[in-house]
Protein backbone atom coordinates (compact mmCIF):
# COMPACT_ATOMS: atom_id res chain seq x y z
CA MET A 1 -18.06 12.39 -2.70
CA MET A 2 -16.08 13.82 0.29
CA THR A 3 -15.41 17.58 0.67
CA GLU A 4 -13.06 19.24 1.23
CA ASN A 5 -13.46 19.85 5.09
CA GLN A 6 -13.83 15.67 4.94
CA ILE A 7 -10.52 15.73 3.74
CA GLU A 8 -9.10 18.02 5.86
CA PHE A 9 -10.58 15.78 8.88
CA LEU A 10 -9.04 12.51 8.07
CA ARG A 11 -5.56 14.02 7.20
CA LEU A 12 -5.55 15.90 10.65
CA HIS A 13 -7.27 13.28 12.59
CA ILE A 14 -6.09 10.07 11.30
CA ILE A 15 -2.55 10.98 9.66
CA GLU A 16 -1.55 14.11 11.82
CA GLN A 17 -3.49 12.46 15.08
CA GLU A 18 -4.75 16.08 15.63
CA ASN A 19 -7.47 16.02 18.68
CA TYR A 20 -11.37 16.68 17.77
CA GLU A 21 -11.24 20.03 19.91
CA ASN A 22 -8.35 21.24 18.08
CA ILE A 23 -9.77 20.33 14.48
CA ALA A 24 -13.43 21.84 15.40
CA GLU A 25 -11.83 24.83 15.97
CA MET A 26 -9.90 24.70 12.87
CA LEU A 27 -12.22 23.58 10.51
CA ALA A 28 -14.81 26.05 12.28
CA VAL A 29 -17.51 22.88 12.51
CA ASP A 30 -18.92 21.34 15.80
CA ARG A 31 -17.47 18.15 17.15
CA SER A 32 -20.70 16.36 16.59
CA THR A 33 -20.27 17.12 12.62
CA LEU A 34 -16.74 15.67 13.17
CA SER A 35 -18.07 12.49 14.91
CA ALA A 36 -20.32 12.16 11.89
CA TRP A 37 -17.39 12.30 9.93
CA TYR A 38 -15.79 9.66 11.52
CA GLU A 39 -18.38 7.38 11.02
CA GLU A 40 -19.39 7.97 7.91
CA LEU A 41 -15.63 7.95 6.23
CA LYS A 42 -14.87 4.67 7.65
CA GLU A 43 -14.20 2.97 4.47
CA GLU A 44 -11.51 5.84 4.02
CA ARG A 45 -10.35 5.70 7.58
CA LEU A 46 -9.77 1.80 7.05
CA ALA A 47 -7.17 2.32 4.50
CA ILE A 48 -5.22 5.12 5.79
CA ALA A 49 -5.14 2.42 8.80
CA ALA A 50 -3.93 -0.03 6.62
CA ILE A 51 -1.03 2.41 5.54
CA ARG A 52 -0.48 2.99 9.18
CA ASN A 53 -0.32 -0.96 10.01
CA LEU A 54 2.33 -1.02 7.48
CA TRP A 55 4.30 1.84 8.80
CA GLY A 56 4.07 0.04 12.25
CA ARG A 57 4.73 -3.08 11.40
CA LYS A 58 8.51 -2.18 9.72
CA LYS A 59 9.23 0.35 12.13
CA ILE A 60 9.77 2.83 9.70
CA LYS A 61 11.74 5.69 10.83
CA MET A 62 10.29 8.78 9.12
CA GLU A 63 7.07 10.53 9.95
CA PHE A 64 3.64 8.63 8.75
CA SER A 65 2.58 11.46 6.87
CA ASP A 66 5.93 11.70 5.15
CA PHE A 67 5.35 7.98 4.36
CA TYR A 68 1.80 8.21 3.70
CA LYS A 69 2.16 10.56 0.96
CA TRP A 70 4.95 8.46 -0.15
CA TYR A 71 3.31 5.29 -0.65
CA ASN A 72 0.00 6.82 -2.00
CA SER A 73 2.39 8.88 -5.17
CA GLN A 74 3.46 5.09 -5.82
CA ASP A 75 2.36 3.62 -8.94
CA ARG A 76 0.51 0.10 -8.04
CA ASN A 77 2.40 -2.32 -9.53
CA CYS A 78 5.13 -4.49 -8.64
CA LEU A 79 8.58 -3.06 -9.14
CA TYR A 80 10.34 -6.69 -10.17
CA CYS A 81 8.04 -7.63 -12.84
CA GLU A 82 5.41 -5.55 -12.75
CA ILE A 83 2.04 -6.75 -12.22
CA THR A 84 -0.87 -4.47 -10.87
CA GLU A 85 -2.77 -5.19 -8.22
CA ASN A 86 -5.90 -5.31 -10.69
CA GLU A 87 -4.09 -7.94 -12.45
CA ILE A 88 -3.55 -9.83 -9.26
CA LYS A 89 -7.15 -9.43 -8.46
CA GLU A 90 -8.23 -10.39 -11.90
CA LEU A 91 -5.59 -13.60 -11.86
CA ILE A 92 -7.33 -14.58 -7.97
CA ASP A 93 -11.20 -14.34 -9.65
CA THR A 94 -10.35 -16.39 -12.37
CA GLY A 95 -8.39 -18.95 -10.49
CA ARG A 96 -5.11 -18.59 -12.44
CA LEU A 97 -3.44 -18.17 -9.09
CA GLN A 98 -4.25 -20.13 -6.41
CA THR A 99 -2.41 -20.10 -3.36
CA LYS A 100 -3.11 -20.99 0.55
CA ARG A 101 -1.45 -17.64 1.40
CA LEU A 102 -4.21 -15.37 0.26
CA ALA A 103 -5.74 -15.47 3.38
CA THR A 104 -2.74 -13.40 4.70
CA ARG A 105 -0.81 -11.86 1.39
CA GLY A 106 -0.72 -11.99 -1.98
CA LYS A 107 -3.71 -9.83 -2.45
CA LYS A 108 -2.01 -6.43 -2.23
CA LEU A 109 1.30 -5.20 -3.07
CA GLU A 110 3.98 -5.16 0.00
CA LEU A 111 6.78 -3.10 1.02
CA ASP A 112 9.94 -3.92 0.32
CA ARG A 113 13.70 -2.80 0.28
CA LYS A 114 15.61 -2.19 -3.04
CA GLN A 115 18.80 -2.87 -0.76
CA PRO A 116 18.23 -4.90 2.17
CA ASP A 117 20.75 -4.56 3.98
CA LEU A 118 19.25 -0.90 4.70
CA GLU A 119 16.66 -0.07 6.36
CA TYR A 120 13.09 0.95 5.88
CA ASP A 121 14.10 4.85 6.48
CA ASP A 122 14.79 6.15 2.61
CA PHE A 123 12.39 6.74 0.18
CA ASN A 124 14.83 6.06 -2.43
CA ASN A 125 15.11 2.72 -1.14
CA LEU A 126 11.44 1.62 -0.79
CA ALA A 127 9.62 0.02 -3.27
CA LEU A 128 5.98 -1.86 -3.98
CA ALA A 129 6.61 -5.65 -4.74
CA CYS A 130 4.42 -8.23 -5.39
CA TYR A 131 4.04 -11.60 -2.92
CA TRP A 132 5.94 -13.68 -5.00
CA CYS A 133 8.75 -11.29 -6.02
CA ASN A 134 9.25 -9.84 -2.54
CA ASN A 135 9.20 -13.62 -0.76
CA ALA A 136 11.63 -14.48 -3.45
CA LYS A 137 13.97 -11.85 -3.09
CA THR A 138 14.07 -12.05 0.44
CA ASP A 139 17.15 -10.35 1.99
CA THR A 140 19.54 -12.34 -0.27
CA PHE A 141 19.07 -10.07 -3.76
CA SER A 142 19.71 -6.64 -4.86
CA GLU A 143 17.28 -4.39 -6.47
CA GLU A 144 19.52 -5.05 -9.70
CA GLU A 145 19.82 -8.77 -9.44
CA PHE A 146 16.41 -9.29 -8.80
CA PHE A 147 14.87 -7.25 -11.63
CA LYS A 148 16.04 -10.45 -14.08
CA VAL A 149 14.12 -12.72 -11.94
CA GLY A 150 11.33 -10.59 -12.13
CA LYS A 151 11.21 -10.68 -16.02
CA VAL A 152 10.48 -14.55 -15.55
CA PHE A 153 7.50 -13.73 -13.18
CA LYS A 154 6.52 -11.33 -15.84
CA ASP A 155 6.58 -13.84 -18.51
CA ILE A 156 4.62 -15.84 -16.28
CA TRP A 157 2.08 -13.33 -15.46
CA LYS A 158 1.27 -11.87 -19.29
CA GLN A 159 0.78 -15.11 -19.91
CA ARG A 160 -2.14 -16.37 -17.19
CA LEU A 161 -3.35 -13.07 -17.48
CA ALA A 162 -3.67 -13.43 -22.23
CA GLU A 163 -5.18 -16.89 -21.13
CA ASN A 164 -7.70 -15.20 -19.07
CA LYS A 165 -8.67 -13.17 -22.55
CA ILE A 166 -9.81 -16.18 -24.28
């Protein structure tokens, strides 16, 4: 379990991009402690780095710290079909979801623009979507239009998940 200082270290160094000298002073710890935490908190650092990578790839115009807070406040389910990341994992693990794309896409929810003609710079236009909904929606359909398709996907996912219980 991370301490409050370690959580603050990650926030300052990885999210806010603060340097060790300033962090050491703010947290009243020496630099060697920060270096030890850096190694110890590798899993957490990589999780934050994945979110930062998404933020950078999509050229999101808001500050990373704001995007990070928004991203972590989201429920981990697709806006359109409501499948969760845990259900996706279950379907993959049981062989009920197979695609050659899983090497690069599909295991995690993706970032979608509800209104595809708008940029990635408004939290109200952002949502999490599964690969299948995001891929099918493309930049052609609005949020409202795609909910109809999402209902069909939702029924299919429910059926496949129910088959796992048998």
